[in-house]
Amino acid sequence: MALRSAKGKRSKEPHQLYLGVDGGGTKTHIAVMNASEKVICEGSSGPSNPLRVGVETAVNNIVKAVNDACDEGGVSRGDIAAATLGLAGVRRADLKQRVRESFVERLRIRRTLVVTDAEIALYATTMGKPGLVVIAGTGSVCLGMNAGGEIAISGGWGPLAGDEGGGVGIAQTALHAVAKASDGRGIATILSDRASEYFRASGPENLIVAIYSPQVDNTRIAGFARLVVETAQAGDAVAVNILEEAGSELGLAACAVIEKLKLTRKKIPIGCVGSVFNAGELLTRPMIDVVHTVAPLAYLTEPLMPPAHAAALMALRNSNGSLNGGNR
């Protein structure tokens, strides 16, 4: 994909432009693509999961990313003919509709489709062919599609009922280990020091005050997962075990989708999307081991493009009639 236009220069791209949005619980990434499938500008902003931050905050962050990218890239927002918003937290039809109405009111892009972040990540991995995608960022979810176009999903239940294998789930498990180590109920771990540093507590015994402060939300908690990964990579046994458990949970989510779609005997790709996969084989090895218990031919892969680019491509192809469905 191409780099953005030089700042301050008016883009000479065609008037038919297409917007893709990848919005999660931590950040929003947008891309604007022309009719030749060339990305001409990109931008980012804060979270846009409406279930966690509310519809208006989510839409405000999307609009900010679009405005900033268009201003920097010399692109007119009026040239955007269609948009696909791929957002975490929009599995409910009524929430999709509320986001769409607010977004269209703000940017006047009437050909707007609102889908889940998993749907654009799946498209980024398979380009509409059978396969799965596992997202492990702030939260976690698995989505798949078979040759008949049937869709199945597992996970995506959020921090209270799910998020196993996602940033929040990993961080919470790590904090459980720190609490047990501090009490003498568990094994000593370097995570105790890392948690104290990250949450700005004077020591593990004072973490209880730090982690329940009003400033500590799910985004802040999920950020601790990065230090869990670093601690595991340094060889801490407790941290390693946490990542292995997270990988197994992601594998179980994939297994559920594979079995629902009757893909157990197929050689199917499983795309890995999200910051948690920076853990590498500490996470992916136990994940694929679990998957292979039901689908021995399945394999892990990386998406062909960033999800925001895939969302823009979906908007373009939807406009051309290459994709079906959508709430417009």
Protein backbone atom coordinates (compact mmCIF):
# COMPACT_ATOMS: atom_id res chain seq x y z
CA MET A 1 0.00 0.00 0.00
CA ALA A 2 1.15 3.51 -0.74
CA LEU A 3 2.35 6.14 1.66
CA ARG A 4 0.18 9.11 2.48
CA SER A 5 0.31 12.30 0.44
CA ALA A 6 2.79 15.00 1.34
CA LYS A 7 1.47 17.37 3.97
CA GLY A 8 -0.05 20.54 2.64
CA LYS A 9 -0.39 19.34 -0.96
CA ARG A 10 -3.78 18.87 -2.51
CA SER A 11 -4.27 15.24 -3.60
CA LYS A 12 -4.75 14.68 -7.33
CA GLU A 13 -6.48 11.35 -6.71
CA PRO A 14 -9.92 10.65 -8.27
CA HIS A 15 -12.98 11.99 -6.47
CA GLN A 16 -14.24 8.49 -5.65
CA LEU A 17 -12.48 7.66 -2.40
CA TYR A 18 -13.25 4.93 0.13
CA LEU A 19 -12.83 4.98 3.91
CA GLY A 20 -11.91 2.03 6.10
CA VAL A 21 -11.98 2.14 9.90
CA ASP A 22 -10.50 -0.35 12.34
CA GLY A 23 -11.72 0.59 15.81
CA GLY A 24 -10.91 -1.21 19.04
CA GLY A 25 -10.86 -0.73 22.78
CA THR A 26 -7.51 1.06 22.75
CA LYS A 27 -7.16 2.88 19.43
CA THR A 28 -8.68 3.64 16.03
CA HIS A 29 -6.87 3.29 12.70
CA ILE A 30 -8.36 4.67 9.48
CA ALA A 31 -7.33 4.44 5.84
CA VAL A 32 -8.59 6.25 2.72
CA MET A 33 -8.27 4.36 -0.57
CA ASN A 34 -8.85 5.43 -4.17
CA ALA A 35 -10.60 3.48 -6.94
CA SER A 36 -7.28 1.87 -7.92
CA GLU A 37 -7.02 0.27 -4.44
CA LYS A 38 -4.20 2.61 -3.45
CA VAL A 39 -4.18 3.92 0.13
CA ILE A 40 -3.60 7.67 -0.07
CA CYS A 41 -3.78 8.66 3.60
CA GLU A 42 -4.04 7.09 7.04
CA GLY A 43 -4.66 8.29 10.57
CA SER A 44 -5.24 7.19 14.14
CA SER A 45 -6.94 8.32 17.33
CA GLY A 46 -8.33 6.98 20.60
CA PRO A 47 -10.67 4.01 21.21
CA SER A 48 -13.89 3.51 19.25
CA ASN A 49 -15.49 0.47 20.85
CA PRO A 50 -18.96 1.95 21.53
CA LEU A 51 -19.78 -0.71 24.09
CA ARG A 52 -16.91 0.54 26.26
CA VAL A 53 -16.62 4.25 25.53
CA GLY A 54 -20.13 5.06 24.30
CA VAL A 55 -21.41 5.81 20.82
CA GLU A 56 -20.58 9.51 20.76
CA THR A 57 -17.02 9.09 22.03
CA ALA A 58 -16.46 6.26 19.55
CA VAL A 59 -17.74 8.35 16.64
CA ASN A 60 -15.82 11.42 17.82
CA ASN A 61 -12.59 9.43 17.74
CA ILE A 62 -13.35 8.05 14.28
CA VAL A 63 -14.14 11.52 12.94
CA LYS A 64 -10.97 12.94 14.52
CA ALA A 65 -8.83 10.29 12.83
CA VAL A 66 -10.52 10.94 9.49
CA ASN A 67 -10.21 14.72 9.76
CA ASP A 68 -6.56 14.60 10.82
CA ALA A 69 -5.62 12.16 8.04
CA CYS A 70 -7.48 14.08 5.35
CA ASP A 71 -6.03 17.42 6.45
CA GLU A 72 -2.50 16.03 6.50
CA GLY A 73 -2.94 14.14 3.23
CA GLY A 74 -4.63 16.99 1.36
CA VAL A 75 -7.78 14.94 0.82
CA SER A 76 -11.30 16.38 0.73
CA ARG A 77 -13.74 14.53 2.99
CA GLY A 78 -16.41 15.31 0.41
CA ASP A 79 -14.65 12.97 -2.04
CA ILE A 80 -15.27 9.93 0.18
CA ALA A 81 -18.01 7.96 -1.56
CA ALA A 82 -18.38 5.04 0.87
CA ALA A 83 -17.12 3.79 4.22
CA THR A 84 -16.81 0.54 6.13
CA LEU A 85 -16.47 0.85 9.90
CA GLY A 86 -15.07 -2.28 11.51
CA LEU A 87 -15.52 -1.83 15.26
CA ALA A 88 -15.17 -3.93 18.36
CA GLY A 89 -18.31 -4.14 20.47
CA VAL A 90 -20.95 -3.81 17.72
CA ARG A 91 -22.41 -7.30 17.54
CA ARG A 92 -25.84 -5.92 18.46
CA ALA A 93 -27.82 -4.60 15.47
CA ASP A 94 -29.19 -1.63 17.40
CA LEU A 95 -25.71 -0.51 18.39
CA LYS A 96 -24.50 -0.77 14.79
CA GLN A 97 -27.42 1.40 13.72
CA ARG A 98 -26.76 4.05 16.37
CA VAL A 99 -23.08 4.26 15.39
CA ARG A 100 -24.00 4.48 11.71
CA GLU A 101 -26.57 7.23 12.25
CA SER A 102 -24.17 9.32 14.33
CA PHE A 103 -21.32 8.83 11.86
CA VAL A 104 -23.44 9.67 8.79
CA GLU A 105 -24.77 12.77 10.54
CA ARG A 106 -21.22 13.94 11.20
CA LEU A 107 -19.49 13.12 7.88
CA ARG A 108 -22.41 12.77 5.44
CA ILE A 109 -21.05 9.52 3.97
CA ARG A 110 -24.39 7.84 3.35
CA ARG A 111 -22.97 4.63 1.89
CA THR A 112 -21.69 3.48 5.25
CA LEU A 113 -21.50 -0.10 6.45
CA VAL A 114 -20.89 -0.93 10.12
CA VAL A 115 -19.45 -4.37 10.86
CA THR A 116 -17.38 -5.91 13.64
CA ASP A 117 -13.61 -5.56 13.77
CA ALA A 118 -13.42 -9.32 13.38
CA GLU A 119 -15.17 -9.14 9.99
CA ILE A 120 -12.64 -6.74 8.51
CA ALA A 121 -9.77 -8.72 10.01
CA LEU A 122 -11.18 -11.89 8.45
CA TYR A 123 -11.42 -10.17 5.07
CA ALA A 124 -7.82 -8.96 5.48
CA THR A 125 -6.76 -12.58 5.97
CA THR A 126 -8.83 -14.51 3.41
CA MET A 127 -10.14 -11.90 0.91
CA GLY A 128 -13.57 -13.52 1.19
CA LYS A 129 -12.41 -17.16 1.01
CA PRO A 130 -12.93 -19.77 3.77
CA GLY A 131 -10.83 -19.34 6.88
CA LEU A 132 -10.63 -17.88 10.38
CA VAL A 133 -9.21 -14.89 12.15
CA VAL A 134 -8.31 -14.63 15.81
CA ILE A 135 -8.07 -11.13 17.25
CA ALA A 136 -6.15 -10.67 20.48
CA GLY A 137 -5.78 -7.01 21.34
CA THR A 138 -7.51 -5.37 24.30
CA GLY A 139 -10.04 -8.20 24.13
CA SER A 140 -10.23 -11.41 22.11
CA VAL A 141 -12.56 -12.96 19.54
CA CYS A 142 -12.50 -15.54 16.75
CA LEU A 143 -14.53 -15.34 13.55
CA GLY A 144 -14.68 -17.79 10.67
CA MET A 145 -16.42 -18.45 7.37
CA ASN A 146 -16.79 -21.63 5.30
CA ALA A 147 -17.18 -22.14 1.55
CA GLY A 148 -20.94 -21.83 1.86
CA GLY A 149 -20.65 -18.35 3.33
CA GLU A 150 -21.74 -19.49 6.80
CA ILE A 151 -20.29 -17.43 9.65
CA ALA A 152 -19.44 -18.53 13.20
CA ILE A 153 -18.00 -16.60 16.11
CA SER A 154 -16.47 -17.44 19.48
CA GLY A 155 -15.38 -15.08 22.23
CA GLY A 156 -15.83 -11.34 22.20
CA TRP A 157 -17.63 -11.37 25.55
CA GLY A 158 -15.69 -8.45 27.02
CA PRO A 159 -13.72 -8.12 30.27
CA LEU A 160 -16.41 -9.41 32.65
CA ALA A 161 -17.42 -12.61 30.86
CA GLY A 162 -14.51 -13.27 28.52
CA ASP A 163 -11.42 -11.73 26.88
CA GLU A 164 -9.41 -14.87 27.54
CA GLY A 165 -6.17 -14.59 25.61
CA GLY A 166 -6.62 -10.86 25.06
CA GLY A 167 -4.73 -8.06 26.75
CA VAL A 168 -7.23 -7.62 29.57
CA GLY A 169 -7.42 -11.35 30.21
CA ILE A 170 -3.63 -11.74 30.27
CA ALA A 171 -3.18 -8.74 32.55
CA GLN A 172 -5.89 -9.91 34.95
CA THR A 173 -4.35 -13.38 35.16
CA ALA A 174 -0.97 -11.77 35.83
CA LEU A 175 -2.44 -9.63 38.61
CA HIS A 176 -3.99 -12.76 40.13
CA ALA A 177 -0.51 -14.34 40.15
CA VAL A 178 1.00 -11.23 41.74
CA ALA A 179 -1.66 -11.18 44.46
CA LYS A 180 -1.08 -14.86 45.24
CA ALA A 181 2.70 -14.41 45.31
CA SER A 182 2.35 -11.42 47.64
CA ASP A 183 0.16 -13.42 50.04
CA GLY A 184 2.33 -16.51 49.94
CA ARG A 185 -0.39 -18.44 48.09
CA GLY A 186 1.57 -18.65 44.86
CA ILE A 187 5.00 -18.77 43.25
CA ALA A 188 7.27 -15.73 43.41
CA THR A 189 7.44 -13.85 40.11
CA ILE A 190 9.16 -10.85 38.57
CA LEU A 191 5.67 -9.75 37.58
CA SER A 192 5.28 -8.40 41.11
CA ASP A 193 7.94 -5.75 40.49
CA ARG A 194 6.75 -5.06 36.95
CA ALA A 195 3.16 -4.57 38.11
CA SER A 196 4.28 -2.20 40.87
CA GLU A 197 6.22 -0.13 38.35
CA TYR A 198 3.46 -0.11 35.74
CA PHE A 199 0.64 0.82 38.12
CA ARG A 200 2.89 3.18 40.11
CA ALA A 201 2.57 1.40 43.44
CA SER A 202 5.35 1.46 46.03
CA GLY A 203 5.25 -2.33 46.18
CA PRO A 204 3.04 -5.37 45.50
CA GLU A 205 1.30 -4.94 48.85
CA ASN A 206 0.03 -1.53 47.72
CA LEU A 207 -1.20 -2.63 44.29
CA ILE A 208 -4.72 -3.05 45.67
CA VAL A 209 -5.00 0.73 45.97
CA ALA A 210 -3.39 1.47 42.59
CA ILE A 211 -5.38 -0.96 40.43
CA TYR A 212 -8.76 0.12 41.81
CA SER A 213 -8.19 3.83 41.33
CA PRO A 214 -10.67 5.64 39.04
CA GLN A 215 -7.92 6.26 36.49
CA VAL A 216 -7.34 2.56 35.87
CA ASP A 217 -9.74 1.42 33.15
CA ASN A 218 -9.68 -1.62 30.87
CA THR A 219 -7.34 0.09 28.43
CA ARG A 220 -4.83 0.75 31.20
CA ILE A 221 -5.13 -2.80 32.51
CA ALA A 222 -4.71 -4.26 29.01
CA GLY A 223 -1.50 -2.27 28.59
CA PHE A 224 0.09 -4.33 31.34
CA ALA A 225 -0.05 -7.36 29.03
CA ARG A 226 2.96 -5.96 27.15
CA LEU A 227 5.05 -6.23 30.32
CA VAL A 228 3.76 -9.75 30.91
CA VAL A 229 5.06 -10.66 27.45
CA GLU A 230 8.44 -9.03 28.15
CA THR A 231 8.68 -10.84 31.49
CA ALA A 232 7.89 -14.17 29.83
CA GLN A 233 10.47 -13.54 27.13
CA ALA A 234 12.99 -12.93 29.93
CA GLY A 235 12.25 -16.43 31.23
CA ASP A 236 9.94 -15.86 34.20
CA ALA A 237 8.12 -19.18 34.69
CA VAL A 238 4.86 -17.65 35.91
CA ALA A 239 4.67 -15.23 32.97
CA VAL A 240 5.48 -18.02 30.51
CA ASN A 241 2.67 -20.12 31.95
CA ILE A 242 0.23 -17.20 31.62
CA LEU A 243 1.02 -16.81 27.92
CA GLU A 244 0.77 -20.54 27.30
CA GLU A 245 -2.64 -20.53 28.97
CA ALA A 246 -3.67 -17.51 26.86
CA GLY A 247 -2.57 -19.28 23.68
CA SER A 248 -4.55 -22.36 24.63
CA GLU A 249 -7.66 -20.24 25.22
CA LEU A 250 -7.31 -18.63 21.78
CA GLY A 251 -6.89 -22.11 20.34
CA LEU A 252 -10.10 -23.26 22.04
CA ALA A 253 -11.97 -20.31 20.53
CA ALA A 254 -10.67 -21.28 17.08
CA CYS A 255 -11.65 -24.92 17.65
CA ALA A 256 -15.22 -23.90 18.49
CA VAL A 257 -15.52 -21.96 15.22
CA ILE A 258 -13.88 -24.71 13.16
CA GLU A 259 -16.29 -27.31 14.49
CA LYS A 260 -19.35 -25.10 13.99
CA LEU A 261 -18.37 -24.54 10.35
CA LYS A 262 -17.38 -28.19 9.74
CA LEU A 263 -13.85 -27.25 8.71
CA THR A 264 -12.04 -29.91 10.72
CA ARG A 265 -10.69 -31.68 7.62
CA LYS A 266 -9.85 -28.56 5.64
CA LYS A 267 -6.51 -26.84 5.15
CA ILE A 268 -7.68 -23.47 6.41
CA PRO A 269 -5.73 -20.33 7.26
CA ILE A 270 -6.12 -18.75 10.69
CA GLY A 271 -5.12 -15.09 10.68
CA CYS A 272 -3.52 -13.69 13.83
CA VAL A 273 -4.37 -10.05 14.49
CA GLY A 274 -3.63 -7.83 17.48
CA SER A 275 -0.83 -6.65 19.72
CA VAL A 276 -0.88 -9.75 21.93
CA PHE A 277 0.60 -11.77 19.06
CA ASN A 278 3.84 -9.82 19.57
CA ALA A 279 4.49 -12.56 22.13
CA GLY A 280 5.36 -14.84 19.20
CA GLU A 281 5.72 -18.59 19.74
CA LEU A 282 5.14 -18.31 23.48
CA LEU A 283 1.51 -17.70 22.50
CA THR A 284 1.13 -19.21 19.03
CA ARG A 285 2.73 -22.59 19.77
CA PRO A 286 0.17 -23.63 22.42
CA MET A 287 -2.56 -22.05 20.30
CA ILE A 288 -1.86 -24.11 17.17
CA ASP A 289 -1.28 -27.23 19.29
CA VAL A 290 -4.84 -26.95 20.58
CA VAL A 291 -6.21 -26.21 17.08
CA HIS A 292 -4.50 -29.28 15.67
CA THR A 293 -6.43 -31.51 18.07
CA VAL A 294 -9.54 -30.90 15.90
CA ALA A 295 -8.12 -29.57 12.61
CA PRO A 296 -4.67 -31.01 11.88
CA LEU A 297 -4.36 -29.23 8.51
CA ALA A 298 -5.12 -25.73 9.81
CA TYR A 299 -2.25 -23.25 9.89
CA LEU A 300 -1.54 -19.83 11.36
CA THR A 301 -0.82 -16.91 9.08
CA GLU A 302 -0.61 -13.14 9.01
CA PRO A 303 -3.24 -10.96 7.31
CA LEU A 304 -2.51 -9.84 3.76
CA MET A 305 -3.03 -6.21 4.78
CA PRO A 306 -3.89 -4.13 7.87
CA PRO A 307 -7.58 -4.40 8.87
CA ALA A 308 -8.21 -0.69 8.14
CA HIS A 309 -6.98 -1.21 4.56
CA ALA A 310 -9.25 -4.25 4.24
CA ALA A 311 -12.19 -2.16 5.49
CA ALA A 312 -11.49 0.47 2.82
CA LEU A 313 -11.28 -2.28 0.19
CA MET A 314 -14.62 -3.65 1.40
CA ALA A 315 -16.14 -0.17 0.99
CA LEU A 316 -14.77 0.05 -2.56
CA ARG A 317 -15.89 -3.42 -3.61
CA ASN A 318 -19.25 -3.02 -1.89
CA SER A 319 -19.80 0.11 -3.97
CA ASN A 320 -18.91 -1.86 -7.10
CA GLY A 321 -21.28 -4.67 -6.20
CA SER A 322 -18.51 -7.15 -5.38
CA LEU A 323 -19.73 -7.64 -1.82
CA ASN A 324 -23.24 -8.43 -0.63
CA GLY A 325 -25.26 -7.13 2.28
CA GLY A 326 -24.75 -4.16 4.53
CA ASN A 327 -26.77 -1.60 6.43
CA ARG A 328 -26.84 1.51 4.32
